[in-house]
Amino acid sequence: MINFKRADHINICVAPRQLEAARDFYANVLGLKPIPRPDHVFDTPGYWFLIGDIELHIGVEQPVGLTFRHTAFEVSNLSAVRGHLEANGIAICEEPVIKGRNRFTFLDPFGNRMELLEYS
């Protein structure tokens, strides 16, 4: 049996031509803190960020189309976050209700599906 302790990191990918736009979106629109990336380990460029106590890794690959794969993050003040994203031109997708959770999803500008939720 595996005893999982916590999420360590999440890796998403963007098309190579969108890497700098991805860095800007995650740093400036979502306000994530950039952290050092051991570039010498990788054959392709990318960026790393800190989200709470886990890391978000952004790498490059050719896009594969729309997907249901996603990453979910618990946030505080979901309605304010929603307003902030909408003010930045991000379309919000309503999701089926799960008792005890308020939530929505969105696609970042690079096709990655993200879920944000707040427990009620």
C-alpha atoms as a PDB file:
ATOM      1  CA  MET A   1       0.000   0.000   0.000  1.00  0.00           C
ATOM      2  CA  ILE A   2       1.222   3.483  -0.849  1.00  0.00           C
ATOM      3  CA  ASN A   3       0.960   6.154   1.843  1.00  0.00           C
ATOM      4  CA  PHE A   4       0.559   9.425  -0.034  1.00  0.00           C
ATOM      5  CA  LYS A   5       1.417  12.482   2.068  1.00  0.00           C
ATOM      6  CA  ARG A   6       0.631  15.419  -0.244  1.00  0.00           C
ATOM      7  CA  ALA A   7       0.824  16.658  -3.788  1.00  0.00           C
ATOM      8  CA  ASP A   8       4.408  17.620  -4.618  1.00  0.00           C
ATOM      9  CA  HIS A   9       4.090  19.225  -8.031  1.00  0.00           C
ATOM     10  CA  ILE A  10       1.856  19.532 -11.053  1.00  0.00           C
ATOM     11  CA  ASN A  11       3.271  19.609 -14.552  1.00  0.00           C
ATOM     12  CA  ILE A  12       1.444  21.284 -17.392  1.00  0.00           C
ATOM     13  CA  CYS A  13       2.584  21.804 -20.949  1.00  0.00           C
ATOM     14  CA  VAL A  14       2.192  24.576 -23.470  1.00  0.00           C
ATOM     15  CA  ALA A  15       3.179  24.873 -27.103  1.00  0.00           C
ATOM     16  CA  PRO A  16       6.795  26.078 -27.427  1.00  0.00           C
ATOM     17  CA  ARG A  17       5.717  29.407 -28.935  1.00  0.00           C
ATOM     18  CA  GLN A  18       3.516  30.082 -25.859  1.00  0.00           C
ATOM     19  CA  LEU A  19       6.061  29.505 -23.096  1.00  0.00           C
ATOM     20  CA  GLU A  20       6.727  33.184 -22.371  1.00  0.00           C
ATOM     21  CA  ALA A  21       3.020  33.994 -22.444  1.00  0.00           C
ATOM     22  CA  ALA A  22       2.486  31.123 -19.966  1.00  0.00           C
ATOM     23  CA  ARG A  23       5.151  32.531 -17.661  1.00  0.00           C
ATOM     24  CA  ASP A  24       3.448  35.928 -17.799  1.00  0.00           C
ATOM     25  CA  PHE A  25      -0.042  34.478 -17.170  1.00  0.00           C
ATOM     26  CA  TYR A  26       0.946  32.373 -14.172  1.00  0.00           C
ATOM     27  CA  ALA A  27       3.203  35.038 -12.641  1.00  0.00           C
ATOM     28  CA  ASN A  28       1.194  38.170 -13.348  1.00  0.00           C
ATOM     29  CA  VAL A  29      -2.471  37.172 -13.729  1.00  0.00           C
ATOM     30  CA  LEU A  30      -2.566  34.360 -11.162  1.00  0.00           C
ATOM     31  CA  GLY A  31       0.208  35.894  -9.022  1.00  0.00           C
ATOM     32  CA  LEU A  32       2.284  32.739  -8.512  1.00  0.00           C
ATOM     33  CA  LYS A  33       5.815  33.022  -7.130  1.00  0.00           C
ATOM     34  CA  PRO A  34       8.546  31.872  -9.556  1.00  0.00           C
ATOM     35  CA  ILE A  35      11.071  29.440  -8.065  1.00  0.00           C
ATOM     36  CA  PRO A  36      14.417  28.206  -9.435  1.00  0.00           C
ATOM     37  CA  ARG A  37      14.269  25.422 -12.037  1.00  0.00           C
ATOM     38  CA  PRO A  38      17.249  23.088 -12.479  1.00  0.00           C
ATOM     39  CA  ASP A  39      17.501  23.843 -16.203  1.00  0.00           C
ATOM     40  CA  HIS A  40      20.575  21.628 -16.579  1.00  0.00           C
ATOM     41  CA  VAL A  41      18.345  18.569 -16.035  1.00  0.00           C
ATOM     42  CA  PHE A  42      16.009  19.286 -18.969  1.00  0.00           C
ATOM     43  CA  ASP A  43      16.307  19.201 -22.750  1.00  0.00           C
ATOM     44  CA  THR A  44      13.520  21.770 -23.156  1.00  0.00           C
ATOM     45  CA  PRO A  45      12.829  25.155 -21.545  1.00  0.00           C
ATOM     46  CA  GLY A  46      10.272  25.747 -18.817  1.00  0.00           C
ATOM     47  CA  TYR A  47       9.400  27.577 -15.626  1.00  0.00           C
ATOM     48  CA  TRP A  48       8.569  26.537 -12.067  1.00  0.00           C
ATOM     49  CA  PHE A  49       6.252  28.310  -9.623  1.00  0.00           C
ATOM     50  CA  LEU A  50       5.120  27.826  -6.033  1.00  0.00           C
ATOM     51  CA  ILE A  51       1.407  27.348  -5.219  1.00  0.00           C
ATOM     52  CA  GLY A  52       0.934  27.081  -1.468  1.00  0.00           C
ATOM     53  CA  ASP A  53       3.145  24.136  -0.506  1.00  0.00           C
ATOM     54  CA  ILE A  54       3.319  22.493  -3.945  1.00  0.00           C
ATOM     55  CA  GLU A  55       5.050  23.383  -7.195  1.00  0.00           C
ATOM     56  CA  LEU A  56       3.649  24.087 -10.647  1.00  0.00           C
ATOM     57  CA  HIS A  57       6.023  23.063 -13.453  1.00  0.00           C
ATOM     58  CA  ILE A  58       5.427  24.446 -16.937  1.00  0.00           C
ATOM     59  CA  GLY A  59       7.120  22.659 -19.812  1.00  0.00           C
ATOM     60  CA  VAL A  60       6.730  22.647 -23.560  1.00  0.00           C
ATOM     61  CA  GLU A  61       5.205  20.134 -25.961  1.00  0.00           C
ATOM     62  CA  GLN A  62       2.956  20.242 -28.983  1.00  0.00           C
ATOM     63  CA  PRO A  63      -0.728  20.714 -28.078  1.00  0.00           C
ATOM     64  CA  VAL A  64      -2.920  17.588 -28.058  1.00  0.00           C
ATOM     65  CA  GLY A  65      -6.384  19.191 -28.042  1.00  0.00           C
ATOM     66  CA  LEU A  66      -9.082  19.752 -25.437  1.00  0.00           C
ATOM     67  CA  THR A  67      -8.932  17.374 -22.485  1.00  0.00           C
ATOM     68  CA  PHE A  68     -10.730  16.567 -19.262  1.00  0.00           C
ATOM     69  CA  ARG A  69      -7.373  16.225 -17.520  1.00  0.00           C
ATOM     70  CA  HIS A  70      -7.138  18.965 -14.956  1.00  0.00           C
ATOM     71  CA  THR A  71      -5.593  20.189 -11.777  1.00  0.00           C
ATOM     72  CA  ALA A  72      -7.713  21.338  -8.845  1.00  0.00           C
ATOM     73  CA  PHE A  73      -6.754  23.928  -6.272  1.00  0.00           C
ATOM     74  CA  GLU A  74      -8.596  24.904  -3.112  1.00  0.00           C
ATOM     75  CA  VAL A  75      -8.859  28.681  -2.809  1.00  0.00           C
ATOM     76  CA  SER A  76     -10.289  31.241  -0.414  1.00  0.00           C
ATOM     77  CA  ASN A  77     -13.001  33.663  -1.557  1.00  0.00           C
ATOM     78  CA  LEU A  78     -13.942  31.796  -4.739  1.00  0.00           C
ATOM     79  CA  SER A  79     -16.318  34.529  -5.892  1.00  0.00           C
ATOM     80  CA  ALA A  80     -13.563  37.170  -5.808  1.00  0.00           C
ATOM     81  CA  VAL A  81     -11.222  34.836  -7.681  1.00  0.00           C
ATOM     82  CA  ARG A  82     -13.912  34.287 -10.304  1.00  0.00           C
ATOM     83  CA  GLY A  83     -14.334  38.030 -10.746  1.00  0.00           C
ATOM     84  CA  HIS A  84     -10.589  38.492 -11.100  1.00  0.00           C
ATOM     85  CA  LEU A  85     -10.331  35.815 -13.783  1.00  0.00           C
ATOM     86  CA  GLU A  86     -13.329  37.166 -15.697  1.00  0.00           C
ATOM     87  CA  ALA A  87     -11.811  40.671 -15.542  1.00  0.00           C
ATOM     88  CA  ASN A  88      -8.744  39.180 -17.219  1.00  0.00           C
ATOM     89  CA  GLY A  89     -10.778  37.670 -20.046  1.00  0.00           C
ATOM     90  CA  ILE A  90     -10.895  34.098 -18.729  1.00  0.00           C
ATOM     91  CA  ALA A  91     -14.128  32.210 -19.521  1.00  0.00           C
ATOM     92  CA  ILE A  92     -15.572  30.345 -16.546  1.00  0.00           C
ATOM     93  CA  CYS A  93     -17.145  26.893 -17.007  1.00  0.00           C
ATOM     94  CA  GLU A  94     -19.815  25.748 -14.561  1.00  0.00           C
ATOM     95  CA  GLU A  95     -19.387  22.211 -13.246  1.00  0.00           C
ATOM     96  CA  PRO A  96     -21.873  19.719 -11.768  1.00  0.00           C
ATOM     97  CA  VAL A  97     -22.609  20.375  -8.101  1.00  0.00           C
ATOM     98  CA  ILE A  98     -20.708  18.370  -5.514  1.00  0.00           C
ATOM     99  CA  LYS A  99     -22.195  18.702  -2.036  1.00  0.00           C
ATOM    100  CA  GLY A 100     -19.981  20.766   0.257  1.00  0.00           C
ATOM    101  CA  ARG A 101     -17.944  22.329  -2.559  1.00  0.00           C
ATOM    102  CA  ASN A 102     -18.357  25.451  -4.611  1.00  0.00           C
ATOM    103  CA  ARG A 103     -16.331  25.154  -7.797  1.00  0.00           C
ATOM    104  CA  PHE A 104     -15.767  26.062 -11.400  1.00  0.00           C
ATOM    105  CA  THR A 105     -13.243  25.296 -14.089  1.00  0.00           C
ATOM    106  CA  PHE A 106     -11.523  27.338 -16.762  1.00  0.00           C
ATOM    107  CA  LEU A 107      -9.021  26.800 -19.518  1.00  0.00           C
ATOM    108  CA  ASP A 108      -5.843  28.778 -19.207  1.00  0.00           C
ATOM    109  CA  PRO A 109      -4.765  30.524 -22.429  1.00  0.00           C
ATOM    110  CA  PHE A 110      -2.799  27.390 -23.378  1.00  0.00           C
ATOM    111  CA  GLY A 111      -5.568  24.772 -23.173  1.00  0.00           C
ATOM    112  CA  ASN A 112      -4.898  23.435 -19.652  1.00  0.00           C
ATOM    113  CA  ARG A 113      -8.114  22.791 -17.716  1.00  0.00           C
ATOM    114  CA  MET A 114      -7.974  24.109 -14.148  1.00  0.00           C
ATOM    115  CA  GLU A 115     -10.506  23.681 -11.339  1.00  0.00           C
ATOM    116  CA  LEU A 116     -10.808  26.084  -8.435  1.00  0.00           C
ATOM    117  CA  LEU A 117     -12.886  25.159  -5.408  1.00  0.00           C
ATOM    118  CA  GLU A 118     -13.888  26.365  -1.993  1.00  0.00           C
ATOM    119  CA  TYR A 119     -15.358  24.062   0.659  1.00  0.00           C
ATOM    120  CA  SER A 120     -18.631  25.272   2.154  1.00  0.00           C
END
